[in-house]
PDB file of all heavy atoms in Angstrom:
ATOM      1  N   LYS A   1      -3.040   8.105  -8.621  1.00  0.00           N
ATOM      2  CA  LYS A   1      -1.970   7.122  -8.461  1.00  0.00           C
ATOM      3  C   LYS A   1      -2.395   5.767  -9.022  1.00  0.00           C
ATOM      4  O   LYS A   1      -1.587   5.021  -9.570  1.00  0.00           O
ATOM      5  CB  LYS A   1      -1.604   6.996  -6.982  1.00  0.00           C
ATOM      6  CG  LYS A   1      -0.493   6.009  -6.693  1.00  0.00           C
ATOM      7  CD  LYS A   1      -0.189   5.967  -5.201  1.00  0.00           C
ATOM      8  CE  LYS A   1       0.855   4.902  -4.900  1.00  0.00           C
ATOM      9  NZ  LYS A   1       1.125   4.825  -3.454  1.00  0.00           N
ATOM     10  N   LEU A   2      -3.686   5.459  -8.900  1.00  0.00           N
ATOM     11  CA  LEU A   2      -4.219   4.182  -9.399  1.00  0.00           C
ATOM     12  C   LEU A   2      -4.591   4.242 -10.884  1.00  0.00           C
ATOM     13  O   LEU A   2      -5.159   3.301 -11.416  1.00  0.00           O
ATOM     14  CB  LEU A   2      -5.427   3.760  -8.566  1.00  0.00           C
ATOM     15  CG  LEU A   2      -5.130   3.450  -7.091  1.00  0.00           C
ATOM     16  CD1 LEU A   2      -6.414   3.237  -6.312  1.00  0.00           C
ATOM     17  CD2 LEU A   2      -4.209   2.239  -6.981  1.00  0.00           C
ATOM     18  N   GLY A   3      -4.284   5.369 -11.535  1.00  0.00           N
ATOM     19  CA  GLY A   3      -4.523   5.487 -12.969  1.00  0.00           C
ATOM     20  C   GLY A   3      -5.783   6.232 -13.356  1.00  0.00           C
ATOM     21  O   GLY A   3      -6.090   6.358 -14.538  1.00  0.00           O
ATOM     22  N   GLY A   4      -6.524   6.724 -12.385  1.00  0.00           N
ATOM     23  CA  GLY A   4      -7.741   7.460 -12.691  1.00  0.00           C
ATOM     24  C   GLY A   4      -7.449   8.881 -13.129  1.00  0.00           C
ATOM     25  O   GLY A   4      -6.363   9.417 -12.897  1.00  0.00           O
ATOM     26  N   GLN A   5      -8.424   9.484 -13.761  1.00  0.00           N
ATOM     27  CA  GLN A   5      -8.324  10.877 -14.196  1.00  0.00           C
ATOM     28  C   GLN A   5      -9.471  11.664 -13.587  1.00  0.00           C
ATOM     29  O   GLN A   5     -10.571  11.135 -13.419  1.00  0.00           O
ATOM     30  CB  GLN A   5      -8.390  10.987 -15.721  1.00  0.00           C
ATOM     31  CG  GLN A   5      -7.238  10.316 -16.425  1.00  0.00           C
ATOM     32  CD  GLN A   5      -7.394  10.419 -17.940  1.00  0.00           C
ATOM     33  OE1 GLN A   5      -8.453  10.746 -18.450  1.00  0.00           O
ATOM     34  NE2 GLN A   5      -6.315  10.123 -18.643  1.00  0.00           N
ATOM     35  N   ILE A   6      -9.200  12.913 -13.285  1.00  0.00           N
ATOM     36  CA  ILE A   6     -10.219  13.798 -12.718  1.00  0.00           C
ATOM     37  C   ILE A   6     -10.388  14.980 -13.654  1.00  0.00           C
ATOM     38  O   ILE A   6      -9.409  15.566 -14.102  1.00  0.00           O
ATOM     39  CB  ILE A   6      -9.808  14.287 -11.320  1.00  0.00           C
ATOM     40  CG1 ILE A   6      -9.661  13.085 -10.382  1.00  0.00           C
ATOM     41  CG2 ILE A   6     -10.814  15.292 -10.785  1.00  0.00           C
ATOM     42  CD1 ILE A   6      -9.129  13.450  -9.017  1.00  0.00           C
ATOM     43  N   ARG A   7     -11.645  15.306 -13.936  1.00  0.00           N
ATOM     44  CA  ARG A   7     -11.953  16.493 -14.733  1.00  0.00           C
ATOM     45  C   ARG A   7     -12.726  17.458 -13.850  1.00  0.00           C
ATOM     46  O   ARG A   7     -13.773  17.110 -13.318  1.00  0.00           O
ATOM     47  CB  ARG A   7     -12.824  16.113 -15.940  1.00  0.00           C
ATOM     48  CG  ARG A   7     -12.121  15.336 -17.025  1.00  0.00           C
ATOM     49  CD  ARG A   7     -11.285  16.225 -17.942  1.00  0.00           C
ATOM     50  NE  ARG A   7     -12.038  17.218 -18.652  1.00  0.00           N
ATOM     51  CZ  ARG A   7     -12.464  17.075 -19.908  1.00  0.00           C
ATOM     52  NH1 ARG A   7     -12.210  15.979 -20.568  1.00  0.00           N
ATOM     53  NH2 ARG A   7     -13.132  18.054 -20.470  1.00  0.00           N
ATOM     54  N   TYR A   8     -12.193  18.664 -13.680  1.00  0.00           N
ATOM     55  CA  TYR A   8     -12.872  19.696 -12.913  1.00  0.00           C
ATOM     56  C   TYR A   8     -13.548  20.664 -13.872  1.00  0.00           C
ATOM     57  O   TYR A   8     -13.181  20.755 -15.041  1.00  0.00           O
ATOM     58  CB  TYR A   8     -11.866  20.459 -12.039  1.00  0.00           C
ATOM     59  CG  TYR A   8     -11.205  19.591 -10.995  1.00  0.00           C
ATOM     60  CD1 TYR A   8      -9.915  19.098 -11.174  1.00  0.00           C
ATOM     61  CD2 TYR A   8     -11.879  19.258  -9.827  1.00  0.00           C
ATOM     62  CE1 TYR A   8      -9.310  18.300 -10.213  1.00  0.00           C
ATOM     63  CE2 TYR A   8     -11.283  18.464  -8.857  1.00  0.00           C
ATOM     64  CZ  TYR A   8      -9.996  17.987  -9.064  1.00  0.00           C
ATOM     65  OH  TYR A   8      -9.412  17.198  -8.105  1.00  0.00           O
ATOM     66  N   ALA A   9     -14.523  21.405 -13.383  1.00  0.00           N
ATOM     67  CA  ALA A   9     -15.221  22.430 -14.172  1.00  0.00           C
ATOM     68  C   ALA A   9     -15.709  21.864 -15.495  1.00  0.00           C
ATOM     69  O   ALA A   9     -15.560  22.482 -16.543  1.00  0.00           O
ATOM     70  CB  ALA A   9     -14.317  23.650 -14.390  1.00  0.00           C
ATOM     71  N   SER A  10     -16.285  20.663 -15.426  1.00  0.00           N
ATOM     72  CA  SER A  10     -16.785  19.988 -16.621  1.00  0.00           C
ATOM     73  C   SER A  10     -18.193  19.469 -16.341  1.00  0.00           C
ATOM     74  O   SER A  10     -18.380  18.278 -16.061  1.00  0.00           O
ATOM     75  CB  SER A  10     -15.863  18.817 -17.009  1.00  0.00           C
ATOM     76  OG  SER A  10     -14.552  19.256 -17.231  1.00  0.00           O
ATOM     77  N   PRO A  11     -19.198  20.341 -16.394  1.00  0.00           N
ATOM     78  CA  PRO A  11     -20.557  19.911 -16.053  1.00  0.00           C
ATOM     79  C   PRO A  11     -21.032  18.742 -16.925  1.00  0.00           C
ATOM     80  O   PRO A  11     -20.883  18.766 -18.141  1.00  0.00           O
ATOM     81  CB  PRO A  11     -21.400  21.158 -16.313  1.00  0.00           C
ATOM     82  CG  PRO A  11     -20.434  22.303 -16.255  1.00  0.00           C
ATOM     83  CD  PRO A  11     -19.132  21.751 -16.760  1.00  0.00           C
ATOM     84  N   VAL A  12     -21.589  17.739 -16.264  1.00  0.00           N
ATOM     85  CA  VAL A  12     -22.073  16.536 -16.940  1.00  0.00           C
ATOM     86  C   VAL A  12     -23.555  16.697 -17.264  1.00  0.00           C
ATOM     87  O   VAL A  12     -24.355  17.032 -16.389  1.00  0.00           O
ATOM     88  CB  VAL A  12     -21.838  15.288 -16.065  1.00  0.00           C
ATOM     89  CG1 VAL A  12     -22.456  14.052 -16.696  1.00  0.00           C
ATOM     90  CG2 VAL A  12     -20.345  15.089 -15.822  1.00  0.00           C
ATOM     91  N   ALA A  13     -23.914  16.435 -18.515  1.00  0.00           N
ATOM     92  CA  ALA A  13     -25.314  16.483 -18.933  1.00  0.00           C
ATOM     93  C   ALA A  13     -25.999  15.151 -18.639  1.00  0.00           C
ATOM     94  O   ALA A  13     -27.142  15.110 -18.177  1.00  0.00           O
ATOM     95  CB  ALA A  13     -25.424  16.815 -20.416  1.00  0.00           C
ATOM     96  N   ARG A  14     -25.290  14.058 -18.943  1.00  0.00           N
ATOM     97  CA  ARG A  14     -25.861  12.738 -18.664  1.00  0.00           C
ATOM     98  C   ARG A  14     -24.775  11.675 -18.672  1.00  0.00           C
ATOM     99  O   ARG A  14     -23.688  11.896 -19.198  1.00  0.00           O
ATOM    100  CB  ARG A  14     -26.977  12.386 -19.637  1.00  0.00           C
ATOM    101  CG  ARG A  14     -26.565  12.139 -21.057  1.00  0.00           C
ATOM    102  CD  ARG A  14     -27.795  11.861 -21.934  1.00  0.00           C
ATOM    103  NE  ARG A  14     -27.393  11.594 -23.290  1.00  0.00           N
ATOM    104  CZ  ARG A  14     -27.067  10.392 -23.751  1.00  0.00           C
ATOM    105  NH1 ARG A  14     -27.114   9.354 -22.962  1.00  0.00           N
ATOM    106  NH2 ARG A  14     -26.702  10.229 -25.005  1.00  0.00           N
ATOM    107  N   LEU A  15     -25.086  10.560 -18.050  1.00  0.00           N
ATOM    108  CA  LEU A  15     -24.198   9.407 -18.057  1.00  0.00           C
ATOM    109  C   LEU A  15     -24.713   8.420 -19.079  1.00  0.00           C
ATOM    110  O   LEU A  15     -25.905   8.318 -19.314  1.00  0.00           O
ATOM    111  CB  LEU A  15     -24.159   8.759 -16.665  1.00  0.00           C
ATOM    112  CG  LEU A  15     -23.691   9.650 -15.523  1.00  0.00           C
ATOM    113  CD1 LEU A  15     -23.782   8.914 -14.187  1.00  0.00           C
ATOM    114  CD2 LEU A  15     -22.275  10.147 -15.764  1.00  0.00           C
ATOM    115  N   GLN A  16     -23.789   7.699 -19.700  1.00  0.00           N
ATOM    116  CA  GLN A  16     -24.231   6.687 -20.658  1.00  0.00           C
ATOM    117  C   GLN A  16     -23.875   5.302 -20.134  1.00  0.00           C
ATOM    118  O   GLN A  16     -22.920   5.135 -19.382  1.00  0.00           O
ATOM    119  CB  GLN A  16     -23.627   6.927 -22.037  1.00  0.00           C
ATOM    120  CG  GLN A  16     -22.124   6.856 -22.117  1.00  0.00           C
ATOM    121  CD  GLN A  16     -21.626   7.229 -23.499  1.00  0.00           C
ATOM    122  OE1 GLN A  16     -22.139   8.157 -24.123  1.00  0.00           O
ATOM    123  NE2 GLN A  16     -20.641   6.512 -23.978  1.00  0.00           N
ATOM    124  N   LEU A  17     -24.702   4.335 -20.515  1.00  0.00           N
ATOM    125  CA  LEU A  17     -24.520   2.957 -20.077  1.00  0.00           C
ATOM    126  C   LEU A  17     -24.221   2.061 -21.263  1.00  0.00           C
ATOM    127  O   LEU A  17     -24.651   2.319 -22.392  1.00  0.00           O
ATOM    128  CB  LEU A  17     -25.792   2.428 -19.402  1.00  0.00           C
ATOM    129  CG  LEU A  17     -26.273   3.104 -18.122  1.00  0.00           C
ATOM    130  CD1 LEU A  17     -27.544   2.426 -17.634  1.00  0.00           C
ATOM    131  CD2 LEU A  17     -25.213   3.065 -17.059  1.00  0.00           C
ATOM    132  N   HIS A  18     -23.504   0.982 -20.972  1.00  0.00           N
ATOM    133  CA  HIS A  18     -23.292  -0.081 -21.948  1.00  0.00           C
ATOM    134  C   HIS A  18     -23.372  -1.387 -21.177  1.00  0.00           C
ATOM    135  O   HIS A  18     -22.622  -1.592 -20.225  1.00  0.00           O
ATOM    136  CB  HIS A  18     -21.934   0.057 -22.641  1.00  0.00           C
ATOM    137  CG  HIS A  18     -21.664  -1.041 -23.617  1.00  0.00           C
ATOM    138  ND1 HIS A  18     -22.349  -1.149 -24.807  1.00  0.00           N
ATOM    139  CD2 HIS A  18     -20.804  -2.078 -23.575  1.00  0.00           C
ATOM    140  CE1 HIS A  18     -21.925  -2.206 -25.460  1.00  0.00           C
ATOM    141  NE2 HIS A  18     -20.979  -2.794 -24.729  1.00  0.00           N
ATOM    142  N   GLN A  19     -24.298  -2.252 -21.562  1.00  0.00           N
ATOM    143  CA  GLN A  19     -24.523  -3.528 -20.898  1.00  0.00           C
ATOM    144  C   GLN A  19     -24.722  -3.353 -19.386  1.00  0.00           C
ATOM    145  O   GLN A  19     -24.176  -4.089 -18.575  1.00  0.00           O
ATOM    146  CB  GLN A  19     -23.390  -4.507 -21.197  1.00  0.00           C
ATOM    147  CG  GLN A  19     -23.301  -4.854 -22.670  1.00  0.00           C
ATOM    148  CD  GLN A  19     -22.176  -5.827 -22.986  1.00  0.00           C
ATOM    149  OE1 GLN A  19     -21.265  -6.023 -22.199  1.00  0.00           O
ATOM    150  NE2 GLN A  19     -22.257  -6.434 -24.173  1.00  0.00           N
ATOM    151  N   GLY A  20     -25.501  -2.349 -19.021  1.00  0.00           N
ATOM    152  CA  GLY A  20     -25.874  -2.146 -17.639  1.00  0.00           C
ATOM    153  C   GLY A  20     -24.828  -1.471 -16.770  1.00  0.00           C
ATOM    154  O   GLY A  20     -25.020  -1.348 -15.568  1.00  0.00           O
ATOM    155  N   ARG A  21     -23.720  -1.024 -17.346  1.00  0.00           N
ATOM    156  CA  ARG A  21     -22.665  -0.357 -16.579  1.00  0.00           C
ATOM    157  C   ARG A  21     -22.402   1.015 -17.166  1.00  0.00           C
ATOM    158  O   ARG A  21     -22.518   1.222 -18.377  1.00  0.00           O
ATOM    159  CB  ARG A  21     -21.371  -1.159 -16.617  1.00  0.00           C
ATOM    160  CG  ARG A  21     -21.458  -2.500 -15.893  1.00  0.00           C
ATOM    161  CD  ARG A  21     -20.126  -3.241 -15.913  1.00  0.00           C
ATOM    162  NE  ARG A  21     -19.003  -2.434 -15.451  1.00  0.00           N
ATOM    163  CZ  ARG A  21     -18.585  -2.355 -14.193  1.00  0.00           C
ATOM    164  NH1 ARG A  21     -19.215  -3.033 -13.254  1.00  0.00           N
ATOM    165  NH2 ARG A  21     -17.553  -1.615 -13.872  1.00  0.00           N
ATOM    166  N   VAL A  22     -22.010   1.960 -16.323  1.00  0.00           N
ATOM    167  CA  VAL A  22     -21.654   3.285 -16.817  1.00  0.00           C
ATOM    168  C   VAL A  22     -20.429   3.139 -17.708  1.00  0.00           C
ATOM    169  O   VAL A  22     -19.430   2.529 -17.327  1.00  0.00           O
ATOM    170  CB  VAL A  22     -21.363   4.262 -15.648  1.00  0.00           C
ATOM    171  CG1 VAL A  22     -20.819   5.579 -16.170  1.00  0.00           C
ATOM    172  CG2 VAL A  22     -22.626   4.503 -14.835  1.00  0.00           C
ATOM    173  N   SER A  23     -20.535   3.691 -18.898  1.00  0.00           N
ATOM    174  CA  SER A  23     -19.427   3.590 -19.862  1.00  0.00           C
ATOM    175  C   SER A  23     -18.892   4.958 -20.260  1.00  0.00           C
ATOM    176  O   SER A  23     -17.915   5.045 -21.007  1.00  0.00           O
ATOM    177  CB  SER A  23     -19.890   2.835 -21.110  1.00  0.00           C
ATOM    178  OG  SER A  23     -20.977   3.520 -21.717  1.00  0.00           O
ATOM    179  N   GLY A  24     -19.538   6.009 -19.767  1.00  0.00           N
ATOM    180  CA  GLY A  24     -19.044   7.335 -20.106  1.00  0.00           C
ATOM    181  C   GLY A  24     -19.926   8.433 -19.571  1.00  0.00           C
ATOM    182  O   GLY A  24     -21.012   8.186 -19.033  1.00  0.00           O
ATOM    183  N   ALA A  25     -19.420   9.633 -19.720  1.00  0.00           N
ATOM    184  CA  ALA A  25     -20.156  10.837 -19.324  1.00  0.00           C
ATOM    185  C   ALA A  25     -20.202  11.771 -20.520  1.00  0.00           C
ATOM    186  O   ALA A  25     -19.190  11.967 -21.194  1.00  0.00           O
ATOM    187  CB  ALA A  25     -19.472  11.516 -18.147  1.00  0.00           C
ATOM    188  N   ILE A  26     -21.373  12.304 -20.779  1.00  0.00           N
ATOM    189  CA  ILE A  26     -21.527  13.284 -21.852  1.00  0.00           C
ATOM    190  C   ILE A  26     -21.614  14.647 -21.184  1.00  0.00           C
ATOM    191  O   ILE A  26     -22.502  14.894 -20.359  1.00  0.00           O
ATOM    192  CB  ILE A  26     -22.766  12.994 -22.712  1.00  0.00           C
ATOM    193  CG1 ILE A  26     -22.622  11.600 -23.334  1.00  0.00           C
ATOM    194  CG2 ILE A  26     -22.942  14.076 -23.769  1.00  0.00           C
ATOM    195  CD1 ILE A  26     -23.846  11.100 -24.041  1.00  0.00           C
ATOM    196  N   LEU A  27     -20.662  15.504 -21.513  1.00  0.00           N
ATOM    197  CA  LEU A  27     -20.596  16.816 -20.894  1.00  0.00           C
ATOM    198  C   LEU A  27     -21.605  17.763 -21.514  1.00  0.00           C
ATOM    199  O   LEU A  27     -22.094  17.519 -22.622  1.00  0.00           O
ATOM    200  CB  LEU A  27     -19.183  17.390 -21.012  1.00  0.00           C
ATOM    201  CG  LEU A  27     -18.057  16.526 -20.452  1.00  0.00           C
ATOM    202  CD1 LEU A  27     -16.715  17.248 -20.598  1.00  0.00           C
ATOM    203  CD2 LEU A  27     -18.306  16.156 -19.001  1.00  0.00           C
ATOM    204  N   GLU A  28     -21.897  18.851 -20.821  1.00  0.00           N
ATOM    205  CA  GLU A  28     -22.837  19.844 -21.343  1.00  0.00           C
ATOM    206  C   GLU A  28     -22.373  20.436 -22.662  1.00  0.00           C
ATOM    207  O   GLU A  28     -23.192  20.827 -23.487  1.00  0.00           O
ATOM    208  CB  GLU A  28     -23.066  20.954 -20.308  1.00  0.00           C
ATOM    209  CG  GLU A  28     -23.943  20.510 -19.159  1.00  0.00           C
ATOM    210  CD  GLU A  28     -24.199  21.621 -18.153  1.00  0.00           C
ATOM    211  OE1 GLU A  28     -23.674  22.746 -18.309  1.00  0.00           O
ATOM    212  OE2 GLU A  28     -24.941  21.350 -17.184  1.00  0.00           O
ATOM    213  N   ASN A  29     -21.049  20.470 -22.900  1.00  0.00           N
ATOM    214  CA  ASN A  29     -20.529  21.014 -24.158  1.00  0.00           C
ATOM    215  C   ASN A  29     -20.565  19.990 -25.290  1.00  0.00           C
ATOM    216  O   ASN A  29     -20.114  20.263 -26.396  1.00  0.00           O
ATOM    217  CB  ASN A  29     -19.107  21.564 -23.979  1.00  0.00           C
ATOM    218  CG  ASN A  29     -18.079  20.467 -23.707  1.00  0.00           C
ATOM    219  OD1 ASN A  29     -18.368  19.271 -23.784  1.00  0.00           O
ATOM    220  ND2 ASN A  29     -16.867  20.884 -23.368  1.00  0.00           N
ATOM    221  N   GLY A  30     -21.103  18.773 -25.026  1.00  0.00           N
ATOM    222  CA  GLY A  30     -21.236  17.742 -26.043  1.00  0.00           C
ATOM    223  C   GLY A  30     -20.104  16.736 -26.069  1.00  0.00           C
ATOM    224  O   GLY A  30     -20.215  15.680 -26.700  1.00  0.00           O
ATOM    225  N   GLU A  31     -19.009  17.020 -25.397  1.00  0.00           N
ATOM    226  CA  GLU A  31     -17.866  16.100 -25.367  1.00  0.00           C
ATOM    227  C   GLU A  31     -18.248  14.829 -24.612  1.00  0.00           C
ATOM    228  O   GLU A  31     -18.942  14.871 -23.606  1.00  0.00           O
ATOM    229  CB  GLU A  31     -16.680  16.781 -24.681  1.00  0.00           C
ATOM    230  CG  GLU A  31     -15.443  15.918 -24.600  1.00  0.00           C
ATOM    231  CD  GLU A  31     -14.293  16.602 -23.860  1.00  0.00           C
ATOM    232  OE1 GLU A  31     -14.471  17.742 -23.359  1.00  0.00           O
ATOM    233  OE2 GLU A  31     -13.227  15.979 -23.757  1.00  0.00           O
ATOM    234  N   THR A  32     -17.795  13.682 -25.107  1.00  0.00           N
ATOM    235  CA  THR A  32     -18.033  12.408 -24.447  1.00  0.00           C
ATOM    236  C   THR A  32     -16.737  11.904 -23.838  1.00  0.00           C
ATOM    237  O   THR A  32     -15.699  11.877 -24.503  1.00  0.00           O
ATOM    238  CB  THR A  32     -18.561  11.347 -25.441  1.00  0.00           C
ATOM    239  OG1 THR A  32     -19.816  11.801 -25.973  1.00  0.00           O
ATOM    240  CG2 THR A  32     -18.773  10.007 -24.762  1.00  0.00           C
ATOM    241  N   LEU A  33     -16.793  11.534 -22.580  1.00  0.00           N
ATOM    242  CA  LEU A  33     -15.648  10.964 -21.882  1.00  0.00           C
ATOM    243  C   LEU A  33     -15.947   9.493 -21.628  1.00  0.00           C
ATOM    244  O   LEU A  33     -16.863   9.169 -20.862  1.00  0.00           O
ATOM    245  CB  LEU A  33     -15.406  11.684 -20.549  1.00  0.00           C
ATOM    246  CG  LEU A  33     -15.208  13.197 -20.597  1.00  0.00           C
ATOM    247  CD1 LEU A  33     -15.128  13.763 -19.188  1.00  0.00           C
ATOM    248  CD2 LEU A  33     -13.965  13.542 -21.391  1.00  0.00           C
ATOM    249  N   ASP A  34     -15.223   8.607 -22.274  1.00  0.00           N
ATOM    250  CA  ASP A  34     -15.407   7.169 -22.075  1.00  0.00           C
ATOM    251  C   ASP A  34     -14.706   6.742 -20.786  1.00  0.00           C
ATOM    252  O   ASP A  34     -13.692   7.323 -20.392  1.00  0.00           O
ATOM    253  CB  ASP A  34     -14.854   6.387 -23.260  1.00  0.00           C
ATOM    254  CG  ASP A  34     -15.611   6.666 -24.549  1.00  0.00           C
ATOM    255  OD1 ASP A  34     -16.843   6.822 -24.484  1.00  0.00           O
ATOM    256  OD2 ASP A  34     -14.972   6.729 -25.609  1.00  0.00           O
ATOM    257  N   CYS A  35     -15.234   5.710 -20.142  1.00  0.00           N
ATOM    258  CA  CYS A  35     -14.610   5.230 -18.911  1.00  0.00           C
ATOM    259  C   CYS A  35     -14.937   3.764 -18.682  1.00  0.00           C
ATOM    260  O   CYS A  35     -15.928   3.248 -19.182  1.00  0.00           O
ATOM    261  CB  CYS A  35     -15.071   6.060 -17.720  1.00  0.00           C
ATOM    262  SG  CYS A  35     -16.828   5.910 -17.350  1.00  0.00           S
ATOM    263  N   ALA A  36     -14.068   3.114 -17.913  1.00  0.00           N
ATOM    264  CA  ALA A  36     -14.327   1.745 -17.465  1.00  0.00           C
ATOM    265  C   ALA A  36     -15.087   1.777 -16.136  1.00  0.00           C
ATOM    266  O   ALA A  36     -15.831   0.856 -15.815  1.00  0.00           O
ATOM    267  CB  ALA A  36     -13.010   0.992 -17.296  1.00  0.00           C
ATOM    268  N   ALA A  37     -14.883   2.841 -15.375  1.00  0.00           N
ATOM    269  CA  ALA A  37     -15.570   3.045 -14.103  1.00  0.00           C
ATOM    270  C   ALA A  37     -15.682   4.541 -13.884  1.00  0.00           C
ATOM    271  O   ALA A  37     -14.891   5.317 -14.422  1.00  0.00           O
ATOM    272  CB  ALA A  37     -14.797   2.394 -12.959  1.00  0.00           C
ATOM    273  N   LEU A  38     -16.672   4.945 -13.083  1.00  0.00           N
ATOM    274  CA  LEU A  38     -16.891   6.357 -12.835  1.00  0.00           C
ATOM    275  C   LEU A  38     -17.218   6.537 -11.365  1.00  0.00           C
ATOM    276  O   LEU A  38     -17.998   5.772 -10.799  1.00  0.00           O
ATOM    277  CB  LEU A  38     -18.051   6.855 -13.699  1.00  0.00           C
ATOM    278  CG  LEU A  38     -18.366   8.331 -13.593  1.00  0.00           C
ATOM    279  CD1 LEU A  38     -18.517   8.928 -14.979  1.00  0.00           C
ATOM    280  CD2 LEU A  38     -19.607   8.560 -12.782  1.00  0.00           C
ATOM    281  N   VAL A  39     -16.612   7.536 -10.721  1.00  0.00           N
ATOM    282  CA  VAL A  39     -16.928   7.878  -9.342  1.00  0.00           C
ATOM    283  C   VAL A  39     -17.906   9.035  -9.385  1.00  0.00           C
ATOM    284  O   VAL A  39     -17.604  10.089  -9.936  1.00  0.00           O
ATOM    285  CB  VAL A  39     -15.660   8.273  -8.553  1.00  0.00           C
ATOM    286  CG1 VAL A  39     -16.029   8.717  -7.137  1.00  0.00           C
ATOM    287  CG2 VAL A  39     -14.671   7.116  -8.517  1.00  0.00           C
ATOM    288  N   PHE A  40     -19.092   8.824  -8.824  1.00  0.00           N
ATOM    289  CA  PHE A  40     -20.113   9.865  -8.790  1.00  0.00           C
ATOM    290  C   PHE A  40     -20.047  10.559  -7.443  1.00  0.00           C
ATOM    291  O   PHE A  40     -20.318   9.961  -6.405  1.00  0.00           O
ATOM    292  CB  PHE A  40     -21.501   9.253  -9.012  1.00  0.00           C
ATOM    293  CG  PHE A  40     -22.608  10.259  -8.958  1.00  0.00           C
ATOM    294  CD1 PHE A  40     -22.769  11.183  -9.971  1.00  0.00           C
ATOM    295  CD2 PHE A  40     -23.480  10.294  -7.886  1.00  0.00           C
ATOM    296  CE1 PHE A  40     -23.784  12.128  -9.922  1.00  0.00           C
ATOM    297  CE2 PHE A  40     -24.500  11.232  -7.825  1.00  0.00           C
ATOM    298  CZ  PHE A  40     -24.648  12.148  -8.844  1.00  0.00           C
ATOM    299  N   ASN A  41     -19.677  11.822  -7.442  1.00  0.00           N
ATOM    300  CA  ASN A  41     -19.566  12.603  -6.208  1.00  0.00           C
ATOM    301  C   ASN A  41     -20.703  13.618  -6.172  1.00  0.00           C
ATOM    302  O   ASN A  41     -20.496  14.810  -6.279  1.00  0.00           O
ATOM    303  CB  ASN A  41     -18.202  13.311  -6.150  1.00  0.00           C
ATOM    304  CG  ASN A  41     -18.038  14.084  -4.874  1.00  0.00           C
ATOM    305  OD1 ASN A  41     -18.652  13.762  -3.872  1.00  0.00           O
ATOM    306  ND2 ASN A  41     -17.229  15.114  -4.903  1.00  0.00           N
ATOM    307  N   GLY A  42     -21.902  13.111  -6.046  1.00  0.00           N
ATOM    308  CA  GLY A  42     -23.057  13.992  -6.043  1.00  0.00           C
ATOM    309  C   GLY A  42     -24.174  13.396  -5.223  1.00  0.00           C
ATOM    310  O   GLY A  42     -24.047  12.322  -4.637  1.00  0.00           O
ATOM    311  N   ASP A  43     -25.277  14.097  -5.183  1.00  0.00           N
ATOM    312  CA  ASP A  43     -26.459  13.642  -4.470  1.00  0.00           C
ATOM    313  C   ASP A  43     -27.079  12.503  -5.271  1.00  0.00           C
ATOM    314  O   ASP A  43     -27.416  12.673  -6.448  1.00  0.00           O
ATOM    315  CB  ASP A  43     -27.432  14.812  -4.329  1.00  0.00           C
ATOM    316  CG  ASP A  43     -28.633  14.488  -3.471  1.00  0.00           C
ATOM    317  OD1 ASP A  43     -28.933  13.286  -3.235  1.00  0.00           O
ATOM    318  OD2 ASP A  43     -29.306  15.439  -3.048  1.00  0.00           O
ATOM    319  N   THR A  44     -27.247  11.350  -4.643  1.00  0.00           N
ATOM    320  CA  THR A  44     -27.809  10.203  -5.355  1.00  0.00           C
ATOM    321  C   THR A  44     -29.224  10.481  -5.860  1.00  0.00           C
ATOM    322  O   THR A  44     -29.676   9.821  -6.796  1.00  0.00           O
ATOM    323  CB  THR A  44     -27.809   8.940  -4.471  1.00  0.00           C
ATOM    324  OG1 THR A  44     -28.539   9.207  -3.273  1.00  0.00           O
ATOM    325  CG2 THR A  44     -26.391   8.515  -4.141  1.00  0.00           C
ATOM    326  N   ALA A  45     -29.899  11.454  -5.282  1.00  0.00           N
ATOM    327  CA  ALA A  45     -31.231  11.819  -5.769  1.00  0.00           C
ATOM    328  C   ALA A  45     -31.164  12.306  -7.213  1.00  0.00           C
ATOM    329  O   ALA A  45     -32.121  12.144  -7.971  1.00  0.00           O
ATOM    330  CB  ALA A  45     -31.868  12.880  -4.875  1.00  0.00           C
TER     331      ALA A  45
END
């Protein structure tokens, strides 16, 4: 409702940063998802 998007069944290989902030997620299949903000729903470890 607030304009966010959710991707399911899309394993993330790594997160990318730009100027100290998360700017995207690189999926295991090589696809890059750019973002202004990212919600991490995982173990902080």
